[in-house]
Protein backbone atom coordinates (compact mmCIF):
# COMPACT_ATOMS: atom_id res chain seq x y z
CA MET A 1 -256.42 22.69 -77.73
CA ARG A 2 -256.18 26.04 -75.70
CA LEU A 3 -258.12 27.64 -73.01
CA GLY A 4 -259.01 30.74 -75.18
CA SER A 5 -257.82 34.33 -74.82
CA GLU A 6 -259.64 34.99 -71.58
CA VAL A 7 -256.99 32.41 -69.62
CA GLN A 8 -254.16 33.84 -71.75
CA ASN A 9 -254.53 37.27 -70.38
CA ASN A 10 -254.79 36.08 -67.12
CA ALA A 11 -251.65 34.36 -67.33
CA ASP A 12 -250.11 37.18 -68.48
CA GLN A 13 -251.48 39.30 -65.30
CA LEU A 14 -250.23 36.47 -63.30
CA ARG A 15 -247.11 36.75 -64.47
CA ARG A 16 -247.04 40.60 -63.54
CA THR A 17 -248.43 40.46 -60.03
CA GLY A 18 -246.42 37.02 -59.31
CA ILE A 19 -249.76 35.36 -57.80
CA LEU A 20 -248.60 31.67 -58.90
CA ALA A 21 -245.16 30.49 -58.58
CA ASN A 22 -242.96 29.49 -61.57
CA THR A 23 -243.78 26.35 -61.44
CA ILE A 24 -247.29 27.30 -63.14
CA ILE A 25 -246.03 30.00 -64.98
CA GLY A 26 -242.19 30.72 -65.44
CA GLU A 27 -239.82 32.48 -67.54
CA LYS A 28 -240.59 30.82 -70.41
CA PRO A 29 -243.61 30.53 -72.74
CA MET A 30 -246.06 28.28 -71.40
CA ARG A 31 -246.90 24.97 -72.48
CA GLN A 32 -250.38 24.20 -73.28
CA ASP A 33 -250.81 21.54 -70.71
CA ASN A 34 -250.05 24.27 -68.37
CA TYR A 35 -252.88 26.26 -69.90
CA TRP A 36 -254.77 23.14 -68.13
CA LEU A 37 -253.21 23.38 -64.95
CA LEU A 38 -253.85 27.20 -64.70
CA GLY A 39 -257.71 26.12 -65.67
CA ALA A 40 -258.00 23.39 -62.87
CA PHE A 41 -256.30 26.37 -60.67
CA PHE A 42 -259.43 28.75 -61.53
CA CYS A 43 -261.77 25.63 -60.73
CA ALA A 44 -260.17 24.70 -57.25
CA VAL A 45 -260.44 28.64 -56.45
CA ILE A 46 -263.35 29.81 -57.37
CA SER A 47 -266.66 28.44 -56.76
CA SER A 48 -270.33 28.82 -58.02
CA SER A 49 -270.95 31.63 -55.73
CA THR A 50 -268.17 33.85 -57.35
CA LEU A 51 -269.53 33.24 -60.82
CA GLY A 52 -270.64 36.78 -60.92
CA GLN A 53 -266.83 37.87 -61.05
CA SER A 54 -264.45 36.95 -63.84
CA ARG A 55 -261.31 34.75 -62.92
CA ALA A 56 -259.21 38.02 -63.81
CA ASP A 57 -261.32 40.07 -61.40
CA VAL A 58 -260.73 37.18 -58.65
CA LEU A 59 -257.04 37.86 -59.14
CA GLU A 60 -256.69 41.60 -59.59
CA GLN A 61 -258.74 41.77 -56.23
CA CYS A 62 -255.85 39.84 -54.11
CA ALA A 63 -253.16 41.43 -56.04
CA LYS A 64 -254.52 44.82 -54.97
CA LEU A 65 -253.62 44.28 -51.48
CA ALA A 66 -249.94 43.98 -52.21
CA ASP A 67 -250.46 47.81 -52.60
CA LEU A 68 -252.49 48.35 -49.56
CA ASP A 69 -251.54 51.30 -47.44
CA LEU A 70 -251.50 50.45 -43.62
CA LEU A 71 -249.76 52.35 -40.62
CA ASP A 72 -246.47 51.10 -39.94
CA THR A 73 -246.87 48.22 -42.23
CA THR A 74 -245.27 46.17 -44.91
CA VAL A 75 -247.36 43.97 -47.03
CA SER A 76 -244.94 41.52 -48.11
CA ALA A 77 -247.11 39.31 -50.36
CA ALA A 78 -250.81 38.73 -51.57
CA SER A 79 -251.54 35.73 -53.59
CA LEU A 80 -254.85 33.37 -54.48
CA GLU A 81 -254.33 29.89 -52.71
CA PRO A 82 -256.07 26.64 -54.22
CA ALA A 83 -258.37 24.92 -52.56
CA ASP A 84 -256.74 22.00 -50.53
CA GLN A 85 -253.32 22.74 -51.56
CA PHE A 86 -252.11 24.96 -48.79
CA VAL A 87 -249.09 23.63 -47.03
CA PRO A 88 -248.15 25.30 -43.44
CA PRO A 89 -244.90 26.18 -43.28
CA GLY A 90 -242.90 23.68 -41.62
CA GLU A 91 -245.46 20.98 -42.40
CA GLU A 92 -245.75 18.21 -45.13
CA VAL A 93 -249.65 17.83 -45.82
CA ALA A 94 -251.82 20.58 -47.39
CA LEU A 95 -254.62 21.40 -45.17
CA GLU A 96 -257.99 20.47 -46.61
CA LEU A 97 -259.10 24.07 -46.91
CA PRO A 98 -261.58 26.53 -49.60
CA GLY A 99 -259.58 28.98 -51.75
CA PHE A 100 -258.65 31.77 -50.19
CA CYS A 101 -256.92 35.22 -50.81
CA ARG A 102 -253.60 35.33 -48.75
CA LEU A 103 -252.35 38.62 -47.22
CA GLU A 104 -248.83 38.80 -45.40
CA GLY A 105 -247.57 41.26 -43.79
CA VAL A 106 -244.93 42.81 -41.22
CA VAL A 107 -246.36 45.68 -38.39
CA SER A 108 -243.38 47.26 -37.34
CA PRO A 109 -240.87 46.55 -35.92
CA ALA A 110 -240.98 42.47 -36.17
CA ILE A 111 -245.08 41.79 -35.77
CA GLY A 112 -245.69 39.16 -38.68
CA PHE A 113 -249.14 38.40 -39.24
CA GLU A 114 -251.40 36.57 -42.21
CA VAL A 115 -255.02 37.94 -42.83
CA TRP A 116 -256.64 34.79 -45.18
CA LEU A 117 -260.03 35.85 -46.75
CA PRO A 118 -262.51 33.13 -48.42
CA ILE A 119 -263.35 33.46 -52.25
CA ALA A 120 -266.65 32.05 -52.03
CA ASP A 121 -269.24 31.64 -49.05
CA TRP A 122 -267.73 34.78 -46.77
CA ASN A 123 -270.00 34.83 -43.83
CA GLY A 124 -269.61 38.64 -43.37
CA LYS A 125 -267.72 37.89 -40.43
CA LEU A 126 -264.02 38.07 -38.70
CA GLN A 127 -262.01 35.97 -36.54
CA LEU A 128 -258.72 36.30 -35.14
CA VAL A 129 -256.90 33.79 -33.64
CA GLY A 130 -254.63 33.20 -30.65
CA ASN A 131 -251.18 31.48 -30.24
CA GLY A 132 -249.81 29.46 -27.10
CA GLY A 133 -246.66 29.23 -25.25
CA MET A 134 -244.26 31.68 -26.03
CA ALA A 135 -246.25 32.17 -29.75
CA GLY A 136 -243.26 32.76 -32.37
CA GLU A 137 -245.61 31.73 -35.13
CA ILE A 138 -248.80 32.00 -37.54
CA SER A 139 -251.54 29.34 -36.12
CA TYR A 140 -251.85 27.80 -39.29
CA ARG A 141 -254.31 25.44 -37.78
CA ALA A 142 -256.80 27.49 -35.77
CA MET A 143 -256.89 29.69 -39.32
CA GLY A 144 -257.89 26.91 -41.29
CA ARG A 145 -260.42 25.65 -39.20
CA ALA A 146 -262.14 29.35 -38.86
CA LEU A 147 -261.73 29.39 -42.68
CA VAL A 148 -263.91 26.76 -43.27
CA ARG A 149 -266.66 28.38 -40.94
CA GLY A 150 -266.45 31.28 -43.79
CA TYR A 151 -264.59 33.54 -41.50
CA ALA A 152 -262.03 36.03 -42.91
CA THR A 153 -259.42 35.20 -40.36
CA ALA A 154 -255.84 36.41 -39.16
CA SER A 155 -253.18 35.55 -36.67
CA THR A 156 -249.93 37.09 -35.61
CA ASP A 157 -246.66 35.65 -34.67
CA THR A 158 -246.44 38.63 -32.19
CA GLY A 159 -243.32 39.99 -32.92
CA HIS A 160 -240.53 37.58 -32.97
CA LYS A 161 -239.81 33.81 -34.49
CA ALA A 162 -240.17 31.08 -32.52
CA SER A 163 -237.22 28.56 -31.14
CA PRO A 164 -237.59 24.93 -31.92
CA VAL A 165 -236.59 24.52 -28.02
CA PRO A 166 -240.07 25.07 -25.71
CA PHE A 167 -240.63 28.02 -24.13
CA ASP A 168 -237.60 29.36 -24.98
CA ALA A 169 -237.23 33.49 -24.21
CA SER A 170 -234.30 34.61 -25.26
CA TRP A 171 -235.63 36.33 -27.91
CA ALA A 172 -236.54 39.23 -25.02
CA SER A 173 -233.12 39.77 -23.89
CA GLY A 174 -232.88 43.15 -23.68
CA ARG A 175 -235.90 43.98 -25.53
CA MET A 176 -239.11 45.29 -23.76
CA ASP A 177 -240.65 46.47 -26.89
CA LEU A 178 -241.12 43.22 -27.71
CA ILE A 179 -242.24 42.43 -25.08
CA GLU A 180 -244.88 44.56 -24.94
CA ASP A 181 -245.80 43.31 -28.53
CA PHE A 182 -245.59 39.44 -27.31
CA GLY A 183 -247.95 40.94 -24.16
CA HIS A 184 -250.64 42.53 -25.79
CA ARG A 185 -250.03 45.35 -28.42
CA ALA A 186 -249.31 42.39 -31.34
CA LEU A 187 -253.05 41.36 -31.43
CA HIS A 188 -254.54 44.67 -31.06
CA VAL A 189 -252.82 45.64 -34.15
CA THR A 190 -253.27 42.86 -36.03
CA THR A 191 -256.67 42.78 -35.53
CA GLU A 192 -257.04 46.89 -36.71
CA ARG A 193 -254.97 45.57 -40.18
CA ALA A 194 -257.02 42.31 -40.25
CA LYS A 195 -260.23 44.44 -40.21
CA SER A 196 -259.06 47.16 -42.90
CA VAL A 197 -257.93 44.43 -45.20
CA VAL A 198 -261.19 42.94 -45.24
CA ARG A 199 -262.57 46.46 -45.76
CA ALA A 200 -260.21 46.70 -48.59
CA TYR A 201 -261.00 43.17 -50.12
CA TYR A 202 -264.96 42.88 -49.39
CA ALA A 203 -265.70 46.68 -49.61
CA GLU A 204 -267.39 45.89 -46.49
CA ALA A 205 -266.72 45.72 -42.82
CA PRO A 206 -267.35 42.40 -41.31
CA GLN A 207 -270.64 42.38 -39.48
CA TYR A 208 -269.22 40.93 -36.14
CA SER A 209 -265.50 40.15 -35.01
CA TYR A 210 -264.75 37.40 -32.89
CA TYR A 211 -261.45 36.11 -30.83
CA VAL A 212 -260.62 32.47 -30.04
CA GLY A 213 -257.31 31.60 -28.30
CA CYS A 214 -256.62 29.20 -25.75
CA SER A 215 -253.53 28.76 -22.91
CA LYS A 216 -251.36 31.77 -24.24
CA GLY A 217 -254.55 32.86 -26.33
CA GLY A 218 -256.40 33.01 -23.59
CA GLN A 219 -254.35 35.51 -21.85
CA GLN A 220 -254.55 37.44 -25.50
CA GLY A 221 -258.35 37.31 -25.62
CA LEU A 222 -258.93 38.55 -21.65
CA MET A 223 -256.03 41.02 -22.39
CA GLU A 224 -258.05 42.24 -25.38
CA ALA A 225 -261.51 42.31 -23.16
CA GLN A 226 -259.95 44.83 -20.36
CA ARG A 227 -257.31 47.05 -22.76
CA TYR A 228 -258.77 46.87 -26.25
CA PRO A 229 -262.50 46.41 -25.46
CA GLY A 230 -263.38 47.47 -28.87
CA ASP A 231 -261.94 45.00 -31.00
CA PHE A 232 -264.21 41.78 -30.87
CA ASP A 233 -267.77 41.29 -30.38
CA GLY A 234 -267.37 38.28 -28.69
CA ILE A 235 -264.02 36.29 -27.14
CA ILE A 236 -263.53 32.71 -26.46
CA ALA A 237 -260.48 32.59 -23.61
CA GLY A 238 -259.93 28.79 -22.96
CA ASN A 239 -257.65 27.79 -20.26
CA PRO A 240 -255.92 31.33 -19.88
CA ALA A 241 -252.79 32.32 -18.45
CA ASN A 242 -254.20 36.03 -17.73
CA ASP A 243 -252.42 36.22 -14.66
CA TRP A 244 -249.20 35.65 -16.33
CA THR A 245 -246.37 36.71 -14.11
CA ARG A 246 -248.10 35.07 -10.64
CA PHE A 247 -248.66 32.25 -12.79
CA TYR A 248 -244.96 31.42 -14.09
CA ALA A 249 -244.13 32.15 -10.48
CA GLY A 250 -246.48 30.23 -8.43
CA GLY A 251 -247.47 27.89 -11.32
CA HIS A 252 -244.27 26.83 -13.58
CA LEU A 253 -241.40 27.94 -10.86
CA TRP A 254 -243.36 26.66 -8.04
CA TYR A 255 -244.85 23.39 -9.55
CA SER A 256 -240.91 22.75 -10.39
CA LEU A 257 -239.04 23.48 -7.01
CA ALA A 258 -241.79 21.08 -5.43
CA MET A 259 -241.01 18.32 -7.79
CA LEU A 260 -237.06 19.16 -7.89
CA GLU A 261 -236.59 20.23 -3.70
CA ASP A 262 -233.96 17.44 -4.24
CA GLU A 263 -233.38 14.26 -6.45
CA GLU A 264 -235.82 12.44 -4.05
CA SER A 265 -238.51 14.92 -4.39
CA TRP A 266 -239.12 14.04 -7.95
CA ILE A 267 -241.91 11.61 -9.08
CA PRO A 268 -241.18 9.25 -12.26
CA PRO A 269 -244.04 9.24 -14.64
CA ALA A 270 -244.12 5.38 -14.07
CA LYS A 271 -245.80 6.39 -10.89
CA LEU A 272 -248.50 8.68 -12.22
CA GLN A 273 -250.63 5.57 -12.86
CA ALA A 274 -251.00 4.75 -9.56
CA LEU A 275 -251.48 8.20 -8.40
CA GLY A 276 -254.72 8.94 -11.05
CA GLU A 277 -256.21 5.41 -9.65
CA ALA A 278 -255.82 6.52 -6.02
CA VAL A 279 -257.65 10.04 -6.66
CA ASN A 280 -260.41 8.20 -8.83
CA ASN A 281 -260.87 5.47 -6.32
CA ALA A 282 -261.38 7.99 -3.48
CA CYS A 283 -263.37 10.82 -5.30
CA ASP A 284 -264.86 9.49 -9.02
CA ALA A 285 -268.02 8.42 -7.31
CA ASP A 286 -268.68 11.25 -5.34
CA ASP A 287 -270.76 13.00 -8.08
CA GLY A 288 -273.02 9.86 -7.88
CA ILE A 289 -271.31 7.96 -10.98
CA ARG A 290 -267.88 6.12 -11.60
CA ASP A 291 -266.83 7.05 -14.79
CA GLY A 292 -263.08 8.05 -14.39
CA ILE A 293 -263.84 12.06 -14.29
CA LEU A 294 -264.28 13.97 -11.57
CA MET A 295 -267.47 16.22 -12.20
CA ASN A 296 -266.42 18.46 -9.36
CA PRO A 297 -262.78 17.88 -8.10
CA LEU A 298 -263.29 20.89 -5.31
CA ALA A 299 -265.34 18.16 -3.52
CA CYS A 300 -262.18 15.86 -3.76
CA ASP A 301 -260.91 15.03 -0.14
CA PHE A 302 -257.75 12.56 -1.10
CA GLN A 303 -254.79 12.55 0.60
CA PRO A 304 -251.59 11.81 -1.01
CA ALA A 305 -249.96 10.15 2.23
CA SER A 306 -252.63 7.27 1.82
CA LEU A 307 -250.16 6.38 -1.29
CA SER A 308 -247.36 6.26 0.93
CA CYS A 309 -245.27 3.51 0.57
CA GLU A 310 -244.64 1.02 3.30
CA GLY A 311 -241.28 1.84 5.50
CA ASP A 312 -238.51 1.88 3.46
CA SER A 313 -240.01 0.47 0.48
CA ASP A 314 -240.56 2.00 -2.82
CA SER A 315 -242.11 1.12 -5.79
CA ASN A 316 -244.46 2.43 -9.02
CA THR A 317 -247.70 1.66 -6.99
CA CYS A 318 -246.71 3.99 -4.14
CA LEU A 319 -245.51 7.14 -3.37
CA THR A 320 -241.84 8.17 -1.14
CA PRO A 321 -242.56 10.75 1.88
CA LYS A 322 -240.78 13.59 -0.01
CA GLN A 323 -242.86 12.26 -3.41
CA VAL A 324 -245.92 12.72 -1.45
CA ARG A 325 -244.88 16.06 0.14
CA ALA A 326 -244.27 17.24 -3.42
CA VAL A 327 -247.89 16.40 -4.53
CA GLU A 328 -249.34 18.03 -1.30
CA ARG A 329 -247.10 21.28 -2.66
CA ILE A 330 -248.45 21.15 -6.33
CA TRP A 331 -252.25 21.06 -5.24
CA SER A 332 -252.04 23.61 -2.43
CA GLY A 333 -250.41 26.56 -4.32
CA VAL A 334 -247.44 28.67 -3.23
CA ARG A 335 -247.95 31.26 -0.49
CA ASN A 336 -246.00 34.35 0.37
CA ALA A 337 -244.28 35.54 3.89
CA ARG A 338 -247.57 37.02 5.09
CA GLY A 339 -249.50 33.90 3.88
CA GLU A 340 -251.33 35.61 1.01
CA LEU A 341 -251.72 32.94 -2.27
CA ILE A 342 -249.41 34.03 -4.91
CA TYR A 343 -250.98 31.43 -7.45
CA PRO A 344 -253.80 28.33 -6.43
CA GLY A 345 -251.92 24.59 -7.19
CA LEU A 346 -253.58 22.23 -9.42
CA VAL A 347 -256.81 20.06 -8.56
CA PRO A 348 -256.73 16.47 -8.15
CA GLY A 349 -258.04 14.17 -11.36
CA GLY A 350 -256.50 13.41 -14.78
CA GLU A 351 -252.80 12.68 -13.54
CA ALA A 352 -252.08 9.53 -15.43
CA ALA A 353 -253.94 11.21 -18.81
CA PRO A 354 -251.23 11.39 -21.59
CA GLY A 355 -249.91 14.60 -22.06
CA GLY A 356 -250.74 15.44 -18.29
CA TRP A 357 -248.33 15.58 -15.43
CA SER A 358 -245.62 13.31 -17.29
CA THR A 359 -245.17 16.20 -19.69
CA TRP A 360 -245.88 19.25 -17.53
CA VAL A 361 -245.18 18.06 -14.35
CA THR A 362 -242.61 15.25 -13.63
CA GLY A 363 -241.30 15.71 -17.59
CA VAL A 364 -239.71 12.10 -18.59
CA ALA A 365 -236.54 13.07 -16.23
CA PRO A 366 -235.66 15.90 -13.70
CA TYR A 367 -235.32 19.26 -15.20
CA GLN A 368 -237.28 18.42 -18.64
CA SER A 369 -240.72 19.18 -17.68
CA LEU A 370 -242.71 22.25 -19.23
CA HIS A 371 -243.05 23.64 -16.22
CA TRP A 372 -239.44 23.85 -15.69
CA ARG A 373 -238.97 24.94 -19.26
CA GLY A 374 -241.26 27.85 -18.72
CA GLY A 375 -240.30 29.35 -15.49
CA GLU A 376 -236.75 29.27 -16.16
CA GLY A 377 -237.01 30.87 -19.53
CA PHE A 378 -239.55 33.86 -18.32
CA PHE A 379 -238.12 34.85 -15.30
CA ARG A 380 -234.05 34.22 -17.14
CA TRP A 381 -234.90 36.34 -19.41
CA PHE A 382 -237.95 38.64 -19.19
CA VAL A 383 -237.23 39.74 -15.77
CA PHE A 384 -233.33 39.13 -14.77
CA ASP A 385 -231.98 39.21 -18.47
CA ASP A 386 -229.17 36.60 -16.98
CA ALA A 387 -228.28 34.26 -18.77
CA ASP A 388 -227.00 32.36 -15.40
CA TRP A 389 -229.67 33.40 -13.60
CA ASP A 390 -230.36 30.26 -11.46
CA PHE A 391 -234.26 29.21 -10.74
CA ARG A 392 -233.60 28.02 -6.98
CA SER A 393 -232.87 31.24 -6.21
CA PHE A 394 -236.15 33.07 -6.61
CA ASP A 395 -237.66 34.65 -3.80
CA PHE A 396 -241.52 34.84 -3.71
CA ASP A 397 -241.55 38.13 -2.41
CA SER A 398 -238.71 40.28 -3.41
CA ASP A 399 -238.54 38.83 -6.93
CA LEU A 400 -241.96 38.24 -7.76
CA ASP A 401 -242.43 41.90 -6.84
CA LEU A 402 -239.61 42.86 -9.51
CA ALA A 403 -241.29 40.83 -11.96
CA ILE A 404 -244.62 42.27 -11.79
CA GLU A 405 -243.04 45.95 -11.79
CA THR A 406 -240.69 45.13 -14.72
CA VAL A 407 -243.18 43.12 -16.96
CA GLY A 408 -246.47 42.98 -15.09
CA SER A 409 -247.73 45.87 -17.19
CA ALA A 410 -246.92 43.99 -20.28
CA VAL A 411 -248.27 40.74 -19.83
CA ASP A 412 -250.73 40.62 -17.21
CA ALA A 413 -254.25 40.38 -17.74
CA ASN A 414 -255.81 40.30 -14.33
CA ASP A 415 -258.14 43.67 -14.36
CA PRO A 416 -261.49 42.37 -13.18
CA ASP A 417 -262.98 45.83 -14.51
CA LEU A 418 -264.48 44.84 -17.99
CA SER A 419 -267.19 47.60 -17.80
CA THR A 420 -266.11 49.04 -21.05
CA PHE A 421 -266.09 45.74 -22.48
CA ARG A 422 -269.67 45.57 -21.04
CA ASP A 423 -270.89 48.35 -22.25
CA HIS A 424 -269.48 48.17 -25.63
CA GLY A 425 -271.90 45.02 -26.09
CA GLY A 426 -269.18 42.65 -26.23
CA LYS A 427 -269.62 38.88 -24.61
CA LEU A 428 -266.72 36.72 -22.88
CA LEU A 429 -267.16 32.83 -22.97
CA VAL A 430 -263.97 31.69 -20.91
CA TYR A 431 -263.22 27.68 -20.42
CA HIS A 432 -261.23 25.96 -18.25
CA GLY A 433 -260.39 22.00 -18.24
CA TRP A 434 -260.64 20.75 -14.32
CA SER A 435 -257.97 18.23 -15.16
CA ASP A 436 -255.57 21.40 -16.59
CA PRO A 437 -251.54 19.97 -16.02
CA ASP A 438 -250.54 23.28 -16.92
CA ILE A 439 -252.62 26.20 -15.93
CA SER A 440 -254.89 26.11 -12.61
CA PRO A 441 -258.15 25.95 -13.17
CA LEU A 442 -258.82 27.60 -9.99
CA ALA A 443 -257.46 30.66 -11.54
CA SER A 444 -260.31 31.26 -13.94
CA ILE A 445 -262.77 30.77 -11.28
CA ASP A 446 -260.37 33.12 -8.69
CA TYR A 447 -260.74 36.04 -12.47
CA PHE A 448 -264.94 35.08 -12.85
CA SER A 449 -265.40 35.88 -8.80
CA ARG A 450 -263.57 38.75 -8.53
CA VAL A 451 -265.19 40.25 -11.68
CA VAL A 452 -268.30 39.40 -9.83
CA ASP A 453 -267.13 40.61 -6.40
CA LEU A 454 -266.11 44.26 -8.71
CA ALA A 455 -270.34 43.99 -9.43
CA ALA A 456 -271.33 43.54 -5.91
CA SER A 457 -268.99 46.11 -4.92
CA ARG A 458 -271.74 48.59 -7.46
CA ALA A 459 -274.40 50.67 -6.03
CA ASP A 460 -277.00 49.38 -7.66
CA VAL A 461 -276.27 46.25 -7.05
CA ALA A 462 -278.38 44.80 -4.18
CA SER A 463 -276.63 41.29 -3.24
CA ARG A 464 -274.26 38.71 -4.08
CA GLU A 465 -276.75 36.83 -6.33
CA GLN A 466 -277.58 40.14 -8.27
CA ALA A 467 -273.73 40.92 -9.06
CA GLU A 468 -273.46 37.22 -10.23
CA SER A 469 -276.52 37.70 -12.45
CA VAL A 470 -275.02 40.92 -13.96
CA THR A 471 -271.71 39.62 -14.59
CA LYS A 472 -273.05 36.31 -16.68
CA ASP A 473 -275.52 38.79 -18.97
CA TYR A 474 -271.71 39.37 -20.84
CA PHE A 475 -269.11 36.66 -18.80
CA ARG A 476 -269.70 33.39 -18.83
CA LEU A 477 -267.48 30.53 -17.49
CA PHE A 478 -267.66 26.80 -18.42
CA MET A 479 -265.39 24.46 -16.42
CA VAL A 480 -264.64 20.95 -18.46
CA PRO A 481 -264.66 17.76 -16.01
CA GLY A 482 -261.52 15.36 -17.08
CA MET A 483 -260.18 18.05 -19.70
CA GLY A 484 -256.61 18.54 -19.84
CA HIS A 485 -254.64 21.64 -20.90
CA CYS A 486 -257.03 23.09 -23.79
CA ALA A 487 -257.68 19.42 -25.08
CA GLY A 488 -257.03 16.00 -23.98
CA GLY A 489 -257.63 14.37 -20.76
CA PRO A 490 -259.97 11.25 -19.60
CA GLY A 491 -263.07 13.82 -20.00
CA PRO A 492 -265.01 14.96 -23.14
CA ASP A 493 -263.03 17.59 -24.73
CA ARG A 494 -264.65 18.29 -28.06
CA PHE A 495 -267.51 21.24 -27.83
CA ASP A 496 -268.67 23.75 -30.09
CA ALA A 497 -268.15 26.98 -28.12
CA LEU A 498 -268.20 29.54 -31.21
CA THR A 499 -271.44 28.48 -32.13
CA ALA A 500 -272.61 29.24 -28.45
CA LEU A 501 -270.90 32.63 -28.60
CA GLU A 502 -271.96 33.30 -31.92
CA ASP A 503 -275.81 32.71 -30.73
CA TRP A 504 -274.93 34.79 -27.72
CA VAL A 505 -273.36 37.63 -29.47
CA GLU A 506 -276.33 38.00 -32.82
CA ASN A 507 -278.91 36.30 -31.45
CA ASP A 508 -279.35 37.35 -27.64
CA MET A 509 -279.12 33.68 -26.52
CA PRO A 510 -276.68 33.31 -23.28
CA PRO A 511 -275.47 29.83 -23.31
CA ASP A 512 -276.27 27.87 -20.12
CA SER A 513 -275.01 24.79 -21.16
CA ILE A 514 -272.64 23.61 -23.99
CA ILE A 515 -272.38 19.97 -25.23
CA ALA A 516 -268.99 18.50 -24.87
CA ARG A 517 -267.78 14.80 -26.47
CA LYS A 518 -265.35 12.66 -26.40
CA ILE A 519 -263.75 10.88 -29.48
CA GLU A 520 -262.25 8.18 -29.62
CA GLY A 521 -260.94 6.04 -32.86
CA GLY A 522 -263.59 8.51 -34.94
CA GLN A 523 -266.81 7.55 -32.84
CA VAL A 524 -268.36 9.70 -29.86
CA THR A 525 -267.84 7.58 -26.62
CA ARG A 526 -269.51 9.86 -24.21
CA SER A 527 -271.43 13.26 -24.16
CA ARG A 528 -271.82 15.61 -21.48
CA PRO A 529 -273.27 19.17 -20.63
CA LEU A 530 -270.60 21.71 -19.69
CA CYS A 531 -272.58 24.19 -17.28
CA ALA A 532 -271.95 27.94 -16.99
CA TYR A 533 -270.15 28.18 -13.78
CA PRO A 534 -271.03 27.74 -10.47
CA ALA A 535 -273.57 25.32 -12.29
CA PHE A 536 -272.00 21.34 -12.38
CA ALA A 537 -273.61 18.68 -14.14
CA ARG A 538 -275.60 16.30 -12.38
CA TYR A 539 -276.89 12.63 -13.28
CA ASN A 540 -280.29 12.50 -13.72
CA GLY A 541 -280.27 8.56 -12.15
CA SER A 542 -281.85 7.11 -15.09
CA GLY A 543 -280.11 6.00 -18.69
CA SER A 544 -276.44 5.70 -19.82
CA THR A 545 -273.91 7.92 -17.94
CA ASP A 546 -272.46 8.01 -21.31
CA GLU A 547 -275.41 10.49 -22.67
CA ALA A 548 -275.56 14.30 -22.10
CA ALA A 549 -279.28 13.65 -21.93
CA ASN A 550 -278.92 12.07 -18.68
CA PHE A 551 -277.39 15.06 -17.04
CA TYR A 552 -278.55 18.47 -15.87
CA CYS A 553 -276.61 21.86 -14.76
CA ALA A 554 -277.41 22.62 -10.54
CA VAL A 555 -275.85 24.63 -8.46
CA PRO A 556 -274.10 22.99 -5.77
CA GLU A 557 -275.66 23.38 -2.51
């Protein structure tokens, strides 16, 4: 039994366009069972909402994108991906996704990007997703999350290919053009190309364009708001590494130097449990409840010296004098010779969490932490371009000035002037985990405060309170108690910032709070409200402390 002439005609079209691999349609005539396979493919990619289009129409619509003429761009492929069958490169398990049209391309000189277009149930919107670390790869899973919500979505590798070695930056050697692409240009040109692809495929522009990213992705989001304010209607920037050069010096390098001042300064990961417990014992109850989470770490007055070993003894339950000094230096941050803070330190809380200090600060052994890898790689290749550069030689005055002069304009997203983004109607939602062991949460508070300071300098703003109010009309910051770097940590770390942003952009409903949940074993074990800074969540004194309904947001007195 044959599926009929329509499928056979579609098969001929597929041979011409190369949409399907030769495992389905090869050089030899199709066997009878392959027509059934082809029919199953169509069923997978075409839902009831596209019944108005023939199967051939859908194929042609996607295939035409391969001939799309985009500025300085090569479209390398345009193919239909059946539902639940896409396996990201380097992985083995298919993502649970609806069927989509997948465009792959490269913007000169080497900016790889992909655009995914839902075949059915497009929500009329576009979402760009960000990267992490030194980028170098398409963010497939983040694209998948956007696609499931009905978005057309796009991502870029930022112009280079990632190495298996974390934070390897050797690709930047002698290539200021690639540094520019990595720092800001790649996401912008990908956004422009993605909008063109959406218009070509759906015959209409996206009604709204959003950006979502964390870490490096947070830097990308703030860079967009500052440098390309017309690209997006709404931006989510999580745990942003926006003050990039100072962060790599005063964060990555400084935390590493504190831990590696000498061989006695390094803290074995086995000691982190004692440090975390000591912090909680001292400060957990400051917010009125004891739950293993510091709701406001700024109120914590724990002194690392209180965990000192007695005499010359040493064990996993105490810190030696040099280890005490290392923690103090990491929490205090680094200053230049003039006493000016270069970059803030980390804050107490969450030291023993999986993927926390043991990954970022201490590493499993000396010279294995991600802080050390990040700081060394960036300055070795971005700034000094010297394979033999030694991180211990770094001068926090002259070398930092050199770094800012050399690459700061390409990678730093620390401009507090968001007026053009504001006037465009853009909305910016920044979140940051209080227990982030990578990027100091104080850096996000500092950036928000500098934006408020700039508003306060306006002639039409009469007070600091008014400056904060006008800033929150378009920029809101949410601190996440107990959350680590973008996720994880002891606190509730799952929350729907995107719906909050959509309501703000599309319905003029600014978020005062967002509900966060802790999910363990597939079950919600705790929920809390995240409050728009400077408010913090406070327990109302009755009911379960694991229920968000029993908390309210208030500004500390």
